[in-house]
Amino acid sequence: MADIVYRYKENVYFNITNKCPCRCAFCIRDKKTAIGDAEKLFHDHEPTKEEIKNAIDSFDFGESTCAVFCGYGEPTNAFDNLIYAAKYLKRLYPEKELRLNTNGLSDLINKRPTVSEICAVFDSVSISLNAPTSEEYDKITRNIYPGKAYDAMINFAKDCIKGGIKVRLSVVDVIGEEKIRKSRNIAKSINADFVVREYKT
């Protein structure tokens, strides 16, 4: 069984699925089998609710202030387990910030609106913007919803802002200064925070 909960730097991370509708050109999964103090992040099978609960119960969260649902897959690909785990964690540790790191394609993945359920339990969401246009986004992410994914991601971000949680959009520094500038302007236009992630080989 791969690690479901692991520590990376100052935060605790949740690896609840390996499924993802994207194959991003810079994805860390193509370079490492684990990160932080995790030994293995590729699951032999998709974790069940019970396995996720047991992992939470047995993990020492220590002084960490933020729990991040990210891992080696898109968390909203296991949406029911995501919401279950977040609610359970919030009951156990109400003082900890819960953050969802996502590609923002949850509504497409689950074929229904999902933002209200996310905003009801998460404090913040970090969405991979990746590029300033739909065409460039499809090229970088190689997603399974070409022509639809970019707008769905932007709408997801806007809906999360309306839902009252903190939203940030991110890009990786390899896309170049001009695209970073355009991406920053997109984040500003919807009142989202913006961060440039360092590409690590």
Protein backbone atom coordinates (compact mmCIF):
# COMPACT_ATOMS: atom_id res chain seq x y z
CA MET A 1 0.00 0.00 0.00
CA ALA A 2 1.33 3.42 -0.92
CA ASP A 3 1.42 6.32 1.52
CA ILE A 4 -1.95 8.03 1.89
CA VAL A 5 -0.74 10.67 4.33
CA TYR A 6 2.78 12.06 4.27
CA ARG A 7 4.76 15.10 5.33
CA TYR A 8 6.45 17.48 2.92
CA LYS A 9 8.28 20.46 4.36
CA GLU A 10 5.97 22.09 6.94
CA ASN A 11 2.67 20.64 5.69
CA VAL A 12 0.88 17.30 5.72
CA TYR A 13 -0.29 15.99 2.34
CA PHE A 14 -3.00 13.55 1.33
CA ASN A 15 -2.54 11.14 -1.56
CA ILE A 16 -6.03 9.68 -2.02
CA THR A 17 -5.91 8.75 -5.72
CA ASN A 18 -3.50 8.35 -8.62
CA LYS A 19 -6.14 9.09 -11.25
CA CYS A 20 -5.90 12.32 -13.22
CA PRO A 21 -7.42 13.60 -16.48
CA CYS A 22 -4.18 15.40 -17.36
CA ARG A 23 -0.67 14.35 -18.36
CA CYS A 24 1.12 17.62 -17.71
CA ALA A 25 4.44 18.08 -19.46
CA PHE A 26 6.15 18.99 -16.18
CA CYS A 27 4.38 16.52 -13.85
CA ILE A 28 6.57 15.32 -10.98
CA ARG A 29 5.00 11.86 -11.24
CA ASP A 30 7.08 11.24 -14.35
CA LYS A 31 10.29 11.89 -12.44
CA LYS A 32 9.87 10.57 -8.89
CA THR A 33 7.95 7.75 -7.24
CA ALA A 34 7.63 9.70 -3.99
CA ILE A 35 8.30 13.06 -2.35
CA GLY A 36 8.76 14.34 1.19
CA ASP A 37 8.82 11.58 3.78
CA ALA A 38 6.63 9.28 1.67
CA GLU A 39 8.23 6.02 0.57
CA LYS A 40 5.76 5.26 -2.21
CA LEU A 41 2.96 7.36 -3.73
CA PHE A 42 1.74 5.08 -6.52
CA HIS A 43 -1.16 3.02 -5.17
CA ASP A 44 -1.65 -0.65 -5.99
CA HIS A 45 -5.38 0.07 -5.74
CA GLU A 46 -7.47 3.16 -5.14
CA PRO A 47 -7.71 3.81 -1.38
CA THR A 48 -11.04 3.14 0.27
CA LYS A 49 -12.73 5.41 2.81
CA GLU A 50 -11.74 3.01 5.56
CA GLU A 51 -8.10 2.99 4.48
CA ILE A 52 -8.05 6.78 4.35
CA LYS A 53 -9.65 7.00 7.80
CA ASN A 54 -7.13 4.53 9.22
CA ALA A 55 -4.26 6.50 7.69
CA ILE A 56 -5.53 9.70 9.31
CA ASP A 57 -6.02 7.99 12.68
CA SER A 58 -2.50 6.56 12.70
CA PHE A 59 -0.65 9.66 11.46
CA ASP A 60 1.10 12.08 13.81
CA PHE A 61 0.10 15.53 12.56
CA GLY A 62 2.37 17.20 15.12
CA GLU A 63 2.72 20.95 14.79
CA SER A 64 1.61 21.15 11.17
CA THR A 65 -0.91 23.93 10.54
CA CYS A 66 -2.07 22.99 7.03
CA ALA A 67 -3.32 19.74 5.51
CA VAL A 68 -3.14 19.66 1.72
CA PHE A 69 -5.06 17.28 -0.53
CA CYS A 70 -2.73 16.81 -3.48
CA GLY A 71 -0.65 13.65 -3.74
CA TYR A 72 0.14 11.86 -7.00
CA GLY A 73 -3.25 12.30 -8.61
CA GLU A 74 -6.12 14.76 -8.96
CA PRO A 75 -8.01 14.64 -5.62
CA THR A 76 -11.38 15.42 -7.18
CA ASN A 77 -11.07 12.21 -9.19
CA ALA A 78 -11.98 10.54 -5.88
CA PHE A 79 -14.55 13.16 -4.97
CA ASP A 80 -16.62 11.24 -2.41
CA ASN A 81 -13.48 10.12 -0.58
CA LEU A 82 -12.10 13.65 -0.78
CA ILE A 83 -15.10 15.22 0.91
CA TYR A 84 -15.34 12.38 3.43
CA ALA A 85 -11.68 12.70 4.41
CA ALA A 86 -11.79 16.49 4.61
CA LYS A 87 -14.86 16.45 6.85
CA TYR A 88 -13.36 13.78 9.08
CA LEU A 89 -10.08 15.65 9.36
CA LYS A 90 -11.89 18.91 10.14
CA ARG A 91 -13.73 17.22 13.00
CA LEU A 92 -10.49 15.88 14.45
CA TYR A 93 -8.39 19.00 13.88
CA PRO A 94 -10.70 22.03 13.51
CA GLU A 95 -7.76 24.39 13.96
CA LYS A 96 -5.89 23.18 10.88
CA GLU A 97 -6.26 24.83 7.49
CA LEU A 98 -7.49 22.51 4.77
CA ARG A 99 -6.26 23.24 1.26
CA LEU A 100 -7.17 21.55 -1.99
CA ASN A 101 -4.51 21.49 -4.71
CA THR A 102 -6.37 20.79 -7.94
CA ASN A 103 -6.42 21.16 -11.69
CA GLY A 104 -9.85 22.76 -11.35
CA LEU A 105 -11.58 20.22 -13.60
CA SER A 106 -13.77 18.71 -10.89
CA ASP A 107 -17.07 19.62 -12.54
CA LEU A 108 -15.99 17.97 -15.79
CA ILE A 109 -14.61 14.93 -13.99
CA ASN A 110 -17.71 14.42 -11.88
CA LYS A 111 -20.20 15.65 -14.50
CA ARG A 112 -21.94 17.94 -12.02
CA PRO A 113 -21.34 21.11 -9.98
CA THR A 114 -19.00 20.37 -7.08
CA VAL A 115 -17.86 23.76 -5.78
CA SER A 116 -20.47 24.14 -3.03
CA GLU A 117 -19.35 20.87 -1.40
CA ILE A 118 -15.70 21.89 -1.65
CA CYS A 119 -16.29 25.34 -0.19
CA ALA A 120 -18.28 23.86 2.69
CA VAL A 121 -15.21 22.09 4.09
CA PHE A 122 -12.02 23.55 2.57
CA ASP A 123 -10.45 26.83 3.63
CA SER A 124 -8.51 27.42 0.43
CA VAL A 125 -7.92 26.02 -3.02
CA SER A 126 -4.84 26.20 -5.24
CA ILE A 127 -5.67 25.73 -8.92
CA SER A 128 -3.13 24.96 -11.64
CA LEU A 129 -3.73 27.64 -14.26
CA ASN A 130 -0.67 26.49 -16.23
CA ALA A 131 -1.18 28.78 -19.24
CA PRO A 132 -2.94 32.01 -20.25
CA THR A 133 -4.97 30.54 -23.16
CA SER A 134 -7.04 27.44 -23.81
CA GLU A 135 -4.84 26.30 -26.68
CA GLU A 136 -1.65 26.58 -24.63
CA TYR A 137 -3.35 24.94 -21.65
CA ASP A 138 -4.37 21.91 -23.71
CA LYS A 139 -0.85 21.60 -25.10
CA ILE A 140 0.80 21.72 -21.67
CA THR A 141 -1.68 19.60 -19.72
CA ARG A 142 -2.61 17.11 -22.45
CA ASN A 143 -5.99 16.78 -20.76
CA ILE A 144 -8.85 14.55 -21.89
CA TYR A 145 -11.23 17.50 -22.37
CA PRO A 146 -9.52 19.55 -25.12
CA GLY A 147 -11.30 22.77 -25.93
CA LYS A 148 -13.39 22.55 -22.75
CA ALA A 149 -10.94 22.19 -19.87
CA TYR A 150 -9.56 25.73 -19.71
CA ASP A 151 -12.92 27.48 -19.46
CA ALA A 152 -14.13 24.88 -16.95
CA MET A 153 -11.05 25.52 -14.80
CA ILE A 154 -11.52 29.31 -14.88
CA ASN A 155 -15.21 28.97 -14.04
CA PHE A 156 -14.32 26.63 -11.19
CA ALA A 157 -11.95 29.26 -9.79
CA LYS A 158 -14.58 31.99 -10.07
CA ASP A 159 -17.17 29.78 -8.35
CA CYS A 160 -14.77 29.03 -5.49
CA ILE A 161 -14.22 32.76 -5.00
CA LYS A 162 -17.98 33.26 -4.92
CA GLY A 163 -18.13 30.41 -2.40
CA GLY A 164 -16.05 32.45 0.01
CA ILE A 165 -12.79 30.50 0.21
CA LYS A 166 -9.30 31.71 -0.59
CA VAL A 167 -8.27 30.97 -4.19
CA ARG A 168 -4.89 31.09 -5.85
CA LEU A 169 -3.92 30.30 -9.42
CA SER A 170 -0.49 28.91 -10.20
CA VAL A 171 1.85 28.41 -13.12
CA VAL A 172 5.24 26.77 -13.45
CA ASP A 173 8.19 29.06 -14.15
CA VAL A 174 9.19 27.23 -17.36
CA ILE A 175 6.39 28.82 -19.42
CA GLY A 176 8.34 32.09 -19.83
CA GLU A 177 7.98 35.64 -18.54
CA GLU A 178 5.38 36.79 -21.07
CA LYS A 179 3.01 33.93 -20.34
CA ILE A 180 3.60 34.37 -16.61
CA ARG A 181 2.65 38.05 -16.93
CA LYS A 182 -0.53 37.20 -18.84
CA SER A 183 -1.39 34.51 -16.32
CA ARG A 184 -0.88 36.93 -13.43
CA ASN A 185 -3.30 39.33 -15.10
CA ILE A 186 -5.89 36.57 -15.42
CA ALA A 187 -5.62 35.85 -11.70
CA LYS A 188 -5.94 39.54 -10.93
CA SER A 189 -8.99 39.87 -13.17
CA ILE A 190 -10.94 37.32 -11.11
CA ASN A 191 -9.56 38.48 -7.72
CA ALA A 192 -7.49 35.35 -7.15
CA ASP A 193 -4.00 35.20 -5.67
CA PHE A 194 -1.18 34.15 -7.98
CA VAL A 195 1.95 32.09 -7.48
CA VAL A 196 4.76 30.95 -9.77
CA ARG A 197 5.95 27.43 -8.90
CA GLU A 198 9.57 26.46 -9.44
CA TYR A 199 10.11 23.58 -11.84
CA LYS A 200 12.27 20.98 -10.18
CA THR A 201 13.91 18.16 -12.11
